[in-house]
Amino acid sequence: MNKSLITCSPDVMGGTPVFAGTRVPVQTLLDSLEAGETIDDFLEGFPTVSRRQVVAFLEEAKDRMVASVL
């Protein structure tokens, strides 16, 4: 995963992967999408995360999934 996109530090949220520059766990985005919320809903609730970060994360996750089945 792109280090400038997601960070993990024991000093931030106990080492939970978060969007860089925020305290917002990546899992929160995934949970929101799984619950049927839109990206806009997520961004409204977590304004410290940018749309660019969300889209880049989802694109990288997609690329990794596709690569893993090839």
N, C-alpha and C. Protein backbone atom coordinates (compact mmCIF):
# COMPACT_ATOMS: atom_id res chain seq x y z
N MET A 1 0.86 -1.18 0.00
CA MET A 1 0.00 0.00 0.00
C MET A 1 0.89 1.23 0.00
N ASN A 2 0.52 2.21 -0.75
CA ASN A 2 1.25 3.46 -0.85
C ASN A 2 1.40 4.09 0.53
N LYS A 3 2.65 4.26 0.98
CA LYS A 3 2.92 4.77 2.33
C LYS A 3 2.40 6.19 2.52
N SER A 4 2.36 7.00 1.47
CA SER A 4 1.86 8.35 1.63
C SER A 4 0.33 8.40 1.68
N LEU A 5 -0.30 7.28 1.39
CA LEU A 5 -1.75 7.20 1.39
C LEU A 5 -2.28 6.70 2.74
N ILE A 6 -1.66 5.65 3.25
CA ILE A 6 -2.07 5.02 4.50
C ILE A 6 -0.86 4.97 5.43
N THR A 7 -1.07 5.28 6.69
CA THR A 7 0.02 5.19 7.65
C THR A 7 -0.41 4.36 8.84
N CYS A 8 0.59 3.79 9.50
CA CYS A 8 0.39 3.02 10.73
C CYS A 8 1.46 3.46 11.71
N SER A 9 1.04 3.88 12.87
CA SER A 9 1.98 4.28 13.90
C SER A 9 1.39 3.91 15.25
N PRO A 10 2.20 3.36 16.15
CA PRO A 10 1.67 3.03 17.46
C PRO A 10 1.15 4.26 18.22
N ASP A 11 1.61 5.44 17.80
CA ASP A 11 1.18 6.68 18.45
C ASP A 11 -0.15 7.22 17.92
N VAL A 12 -0.63 6.66 16.81
CA VAL A 12 -1.88 7.13 16.21
C VAL A 12 -2.86 5.96 16.17
N MET A 13 -3.91 6.07 16.92
CA MET A 13 -4.96 5.05 16.95
C MET A 13 -4.40 3.66 17.24
N GLY A 14 -3.36 3.60 18.06
CA GLY A 14 -2.79 2.32 18.47
C GLY A 14 -2.23 1.48 17.33
N GLY A 15 -1.82 2.13 16.24
CA GLY A 15 -1.23 1.41 15.13
C GLY A 15 -2.21 0.98 14.06
N THR A 16 -3.47 1.34 14.23
CA THR A 16 -4.49 1.03 13.22
C THR A 16 -4.15 1.77 11.92
N PRO A 17 -4.27 1.12 10.76
CA PRO A 17 -4.03 1.83 9.50
C PRO A 17 -5.03 2.98 9.33
N VAL A 18 -4.50 4.18 9.12
CA VAL A 18 -5.33 5.37 8.95
C VAL A 18 -4.94 6.08 7.66
N PHE A 19 -5.85 6.91 7.16
CA PHE A 19 -5.51 7.75 6.03
C PHE A 19 -4.43 8.74 6.50
N ALA A 20 -3.38 8.87 5.71
CA ALA A 20 -2.25 9.73 6.06
C ALA A 20 -2.71 11.12 6.43
N GLY A 21 -2.14 11.64 7.51
CA GLY A 21 -2.45 12.99 7.95
C GLY A 21 -3.75 13.10 8.72
N THR A 22 -4.39 11.95 9.01
CA THR A 22 -5.65 11.96 9.75
C THR A 22 -5.59 10.92 10.86
N ARG A 23 -6.66 10.84 11.63
CA ARG A 23 -6.84 9.79 12.61
C ARG A 23 -8.03 8.91 12.20
N VAL A 24 -8.34 8.91 10.92
CA VAL A 24 -9.50 8.17 10.40
C VAL A 24 -9.04 6.80 9.90
N PRO A 25 -9.48 5.72 10.57
CA PRO A 25 -9.10 4.38 10.12
C PRO A 25 -9.66 4.04 8.75
N VAL A 26 -8.85 3.36 7.96
CA VAL A 26 -9.29 2.89 6.65
C VAL A 26 -10.50 1.99 6.82
N GLN A 27 -10.54 1.22 7.87
CA GLN A 27 -11.66 0.31 8.12
C GLN A 27 -12.98 1.08 8.21
N THR A 28 -12.93 2.32 8.66
CA THR A 28 -14.14 3.13 8.76
C THR A 28 -14.73 3.37 7.37
N LEU A 29 -13.88 3.62 6.38
CA LEU A 29 -14.37 3.76 5.00
C LEU A 29 -15.01 2.47 4.54
N LEU A 30 -14.32 1.36 4.74
CA LEU A 30 -14.85 0.07 4.29
C LEU A 30 -16.17 -0.26 4.97
N ASP A 31 -16.27 0.00 6.26
CA ASP A 31 -17.52 -0.24 6.98
C ASP A 31 -18.65 0.64 6.44
N SER A 32 -18.32 1.89 6.13
CA SER A 32 -19.33 2.81 5.60
C SER A 32 -19.85 2.34 4.25
N LEU A 33 -18.94 1.95 3.38
CA LEU A 33 -19.35 1.47 2.06
C LEU A 33 -20.15 0.18 2.18
N GLU A 34 -19.72 -0.71 3.06
CA GLU A 34 -20.45 -1.96 3.26
C GLU A 34 -21.86 -1.71 3.77
N ALA A 35 -22.04 -0.65 4.54
CA ALA A 35 -23.35 -0.31 5.09
C ALA A 35 -24.24 0.40 4.07
N GLY A 36 -23.70 0.64 2.86
CA GLY A 36 -24.50 1.25 1.82
C GLY A 36 -24.34 2.76 1.71
N GLU A 37 -23.43 3.33 2.49
CA GLU A 37 -23.19 4.76 2.38
C GLU A 37 -22.36 5.05 1.13
N THR A 38 -22.46 6.26 0.65
CA THR A 38 -21.68 6.67 -0.51
C THR A 38 -20.35 7.27 -0.06
N ILE A 39 -19.47 7.45 -1.01
CA ILE A 39 -18.21 8.13 -0.71
C ILE A 39 -18.50 9.53 -0.20
N ASP A 40 -19.47 10.20 -0.81
CA ASP A 40 -19.82 11.55 -0.35
C ASP A 40 -20.29 11.54 1.10
N ASP A 41 -21.08 10.53 1.48
CA ASP A 41 -21.52 10.42 2.88
C ASP A 41 -20.30 10.29 3.80
N PHE A 42 -19.37 9.42 3.42
CA PHE A 42 -18.17 9.22 4.22
C PHE A 42 -17.39 10.53 4.34
N LEU A 43 -17.16 11.20 3.22
CA LEU A 43 -16.38 12.43 3.24
C LEU A 43 -17.06 13.53 4.06
N GLU A 44 -18.36 13.55 4.05
CA GLU A 44 -19.09 14.52 4.86
C GLU A 44 -18.85 14.28 6.35
N GLY A 45 -18.79 13.01 6.73
CA GLY A 45 -18.57 12.67 8.12
C GLY A 45 -17.12 12.76 8.56
N PHE A 46 -16.20 12.69 7.60
CA PHE A 46 -14.77 12.71 7.91
C PHE A 46 -14.06 13.70 6.98
N PRO A 47 -14.25 15.00 7.22
CA PRO A 47 -13.72 16.02 6.31
C PRO A 47 -12.20 16.10 6.26
N THR A 48 -11.50 15.43 7.18
CA THR A 48 -10.03 15.45 7.12
C THR A 48 -9.50 14.50 6.06
N VAL A 49 -10.35 13.62 5.54
CA VAL A 49 -9.97 12.70 4.47
C VAL A 49 -10.40 13.33 3.14
N SER A 50 -9.50 13.30 2.17
CA SER A 50 -9.84 13.88 0.87
C SER A 50 -10.42 12.83 -0.07
N ARG A 51 -11.15 13.31 -1.04
CA ARG A 51 -11.69 12.42 -2.08
C ARG A 51 -10.54 11.71 -2.79
N ARG A 52 -9.46 12.43 -3.03
CA ARG A 52 -8.29 11.85 -3.69
C ARG A 52 -7.78 10.65 -2.90
N GLN A 53 -7.72 10.76 -1.57
CA GLN A 53 -7.26 9.65 -0.75
C GLN A 53 -8.19 8.44 -0.87
N VAL A 54 -9.48 8.69 -0.82
CA VAL A 54 -10.46 7.60 -0.90
C VAL A 54 -10.36 6.89 -2.25
N VAL A 55 -10.34 7.66 -3.32
CA VAL A 55 -10.29 7.08 -4.66
C VAL A 55 -8.97 6.32 -4.86
N ALA A 56 -7.87 6.90 -4.42
CA ALA A 56 -6.57 6.23 -4.56
C ALA A 56 -6.55 4.92 -3.78
N PHE A 57 -7.11 4.92 -2.58
CA PHE A 57 -7.17 3.71 -1.78
C PHE A 57 -7.99 2.63 -2.49
N LEU A 58 -9.16 3.00 -2.97
CA LEU A 58 -10.03 2.03 -3.65
C LEU A 58 -9.40 1.51 -4.94
N GLU A 59 -8.73 2.38 -5.69
CA GLU A 59 -8.07 1.94 -6.91
C GLU A 59 -6.94 0.96 -6.60
N GLU A 60 -6.16 1.25 -5.57
CA GLU A 60 -5.07 0.35 -5.21
C GLU A 60 -5.61 -0.99 -4.69
N ALA A 61 -6.67 -0.95 -3.91
CA ALA A 61 -7.28 -2.19 -3.42
C ALA A 61 -7.79 -3.01 -4.60
N LYS A 62 -8.42 -2.37 -5.56
CA LYS A 62 -8.90 -3.06 -6.77
C LYS A 62 -7.75 -3.69 -7.53
N ASP A 63 -6.70 -2.92 -7.73
CA ASP A 63 -5.54 -3.44 -8.47
C ASP A 63 -4.93 -4.66 -7.78
N ARG A 64 -4.86 -4.61 -6.46
CA ARG A 64 -4.30 -5.75 -5.71
C ARG A 64 -5.20 -6.98 -5.81
N MET A 65 -6.50 -6.76 -5.77
CA MET A 65 -7.43 -7.88 -5.89
C MET A 65 -7.33 -8.53 -7.27
N VAL A 66 -7.30 -7.72 -8.30
CA VAL A 66 -7.21 -8.24 -9.66
C VAL A 66 -5.89 -8.99 -9.85
N ALA A 67 -4.80 -8.42 -9.35
CA ALA A 67 -3.49 -9.06 -9.48
C ALA A 67 -3.43 -10.38 -8.72
N SER A 68 -4.15 -10.49 -7.64
CA SER A 68 -4.08 -11.70 -6.82
C SER A 68 -4.81 -12.88 -7.47
N VAL A 69 -5.71 -12.61 -8.39
CA VAL A 69 -6.44 -13.70 -9.04
C VAL A 69 -5.87 -14.08 -10.40
N LEU A 70 -4.89 -13.34 -10.83
CA LEU A 70 -4.27 -13.63 -12.14
C LEU A 70 -3.18 -14.65 -12.01
